[in-house]
Amino acid sequence: MIATTRIVMPKTVVRLSAGRTQMSLEGQALCFLAGANLFLWR
């Protein structure tokens, strides 16, 4: 889904917030490789 968003809307900032506390470091790395720009930490 991240990669699809990046292809369809290349100039959009892709932010991830849901599930960030349960996501492994490897999962976070894959999200960044797919095109995510940042995680929202609260």
N, C-alpha and C. Protein backbone atom coordinates (compact mmCIF):
# COMPACT_ATOMS: atom_id res chain seq x y z
N MET A 1 0.81 -1.19 0.00
CA MET A 1 0.00 0.00 0.00
C MET A 1 0.87 1.27 0.00
N ILE A 2 1.96 1.24 0.72
CA ILE A 2 2.85 2.40 0.75
C ILE A 2 3.46 2.63 -0.63
N ALA A 3 3.93 1.57 -1.25
CA ALA A 3 4.54 1.70 -2.57
C ALA A 3 3.53 2.16 -3.61
N THR A 4 2.30 1.69 -3.51
CA THR A 4 1.24 2.12 -4.44
C THR A 4 0.96 3.60 -4.28
N THR A 5 0.87 4.07 -3.03
CA THR A 5 0.66 5.49 -2.78
C THR A 5 1.81 6.31 -3.35
N ARG A 6 3.03 5.83 -3.19
CA ARG A 6 4.20 6.54 -3.69
C ARG A 6 4.18 6.63 -5.21
N ILE A 7 3.71 5.57 -5.89
CA ILE A 7 3.66 5.58 -7.35
C ILE A 7 2.55 6.50 -7.85
N VAL A 8 1.38 6.43 -7.23
CA VAL A 8 0.23 7.21 -7.69
C VAL A 8 0.38 8.69 -7.36
N MET A 9 0.92 9.01 -6.18
CA MET A 9 1.08 10.39 -5.73
C MET A 9 2.52 10.61 -5.26
N PRO A 10 3.46 10.76 -6.18
CA PRO A 10 4.89 10.78 -5.81
C PRO A 10 5.32 11.94 -4.93
N LYS A 11 4.62 13.06 -4.92
CA LYS A 11 5.04 14.21 -4.12
C LYS A 11 4.37 14.27 -2.75
N THR A 12 3.53 13.28 -2.44
CA THR A 12 2.81 13.23 -1.18
C THR A 12 3.72 12.74 -0.07
N VAL A 13 3.59 13.32 1.12
CA VAL A 13 4.32 12.85 2.30
C VAL A 13 3.53 11.67 2.87
N VAL A 14 4.17 10.52 2.96
CA VAL A 14 3.53 9.31 3.49
C VAL A 14 3.96 9.16 4.94
N ARG A 15 2.98 9.30 5.86
CA ARG A 15 3.24 9.21 7.29
C ARG A 15 2.57 7.96 7.85
N LEU A 16 3.26 7.25 8.69
CA LEU A 16 2.71 6.06 9.33
C LEU A 16 2.53 6.32 10.82
N SER A 17 1.36 5.96 11.34
CA SER A 17 1.16 6.12 12.77
C SER A 17 0.52 4.89 13.40
N ALA A 18 -0.37 4.21 12.72
CA ALA A 18 -1.07 3.07 13.31
C ALA A 18 -0.15 1.86 13.39
N GLY A 19 -0.11 1.21 14.53
CA GLY A 19 0.65 -0.01 14.70
C GLY A 19 2.14 0.17 14.88
N ARG A 20 2.58 1.38 15.07
CA ARG A 20 4.02 1.62 15.14
C ARG A 20 4.66 1.00 16.37
N THR A 21 3.90 0.86 17.47
CA THR A 21 4.49 0.31 18.69
C THR A 21 4.65 -1.21 18.60
N GLN A 22 3.83 -1.87 17.78
CA GLN A 22 3.95 -3.31 17.62
C GLN A 22 4.85 -3.69 16.46
N MET A 23 5.23 -2.75 15.62
CA MET A 23 6.02 -3.06 14.43
C MET A 23 7.49 -3.25 14.79
N SER A 24 8.09 -4.28 14.25
CA SER A 24 9.52 -4.55 14.50
C SER A 24 10.38 -3.53 13.75
N LEU A 25 11.64 -3.49 14.11
CA LEU A 25 12.57 -2.60 13.41
C LEU A 25 12.70 -2.99 11.95
N GLU A 26 12.63 -4.30 11.69
CA GLU A 26 12.69 -4.76 10.30
C GLU A 26 11.48 -4.30 9.51
N GLY A 27 10.30 -4.34 10.14
CA GLY A 27 9.08 -3.88 9.49
C GLY A 27 9.13 -2.39 9.20
N GLN A 28 9.67 -1.63 10.15
CA GLN A 28 9.81 -0.20 9.94
C GLN A 28 10.77 0.09 8.80
N ALA A 29 11.86 -0.67 8.73
CA ALA A 29 12.83 -0.49 7.64
C ALA A 29 12.17 -0.78 6.30
N LEU A 30 11.36 -1.83 6.24
CA LEU A 30 10.68 -2.16 4.98
C LEU A 30 9.71 -1.06 4.58
N CYS A 31 9.04 -0.44 5.55
CA CYS A 31 8.13 0.67 5.23
C CYS A 31 8.90 1.84 4.63
N PHE A 32 10.06 2.14 5.19
CA PHE A 32 10.88 3.22 4.63
C PHE A 32 11.39 2.87 3.25
N LEU A 33 11.77 1.62 3.04
CA LEU A 33 12.22 1.20 1.72
C LEU A 33 11.10 1.26 0.70
N ALA A 34 9.87 1.03 1.16
CA ALA A 34 8.71 1.09 0.26
C ALA A 34 8.32 2.53 -0.08
N GLY A 35 8.81 3.51 0.70
CA GLY A 35 8.56 4.89 0.37
C GLY A 35 7.94 5.75 1.45
N ALA A 36 7.82 5.24 2.66
CA ALA A 36 7.28 6.06 3.75
C ALA A 36 8.30 7.15 4.11
N ASN A 37 7.79 8.32 4.49
CA ASN A 37 8.67 9.43 4.83
C ASN A 37 8.98 9.50 6.32
N LEU A 38 7.97 9.25 7.16
CA LEU A 38 8.19 9.38 8.59
C LEU A 38 7.17 8.60 9.38
N PHE A 39 7.50 8.35 10.63
CA PHE A 39 6.59 7.75 11.58
C PHE A 39 6.16 8.83 12.55
N LEU A 40 4.93 8.81 12.98
CA LEU A 40 4.44 9.76 13.97
C LEU A 40 4.54 9.12 15.35
N TRP A 41 5.37 9.69 16.22
CA TRP A 41 5.56 9.14 17.56
C TRP A 41 4.81 10.00 18.55
N ARG A 42 4.06 9.37 19.43
CA ARG A 42 3.33 10.12 20.47
C ARG A 42 3.48 9.43 21.78
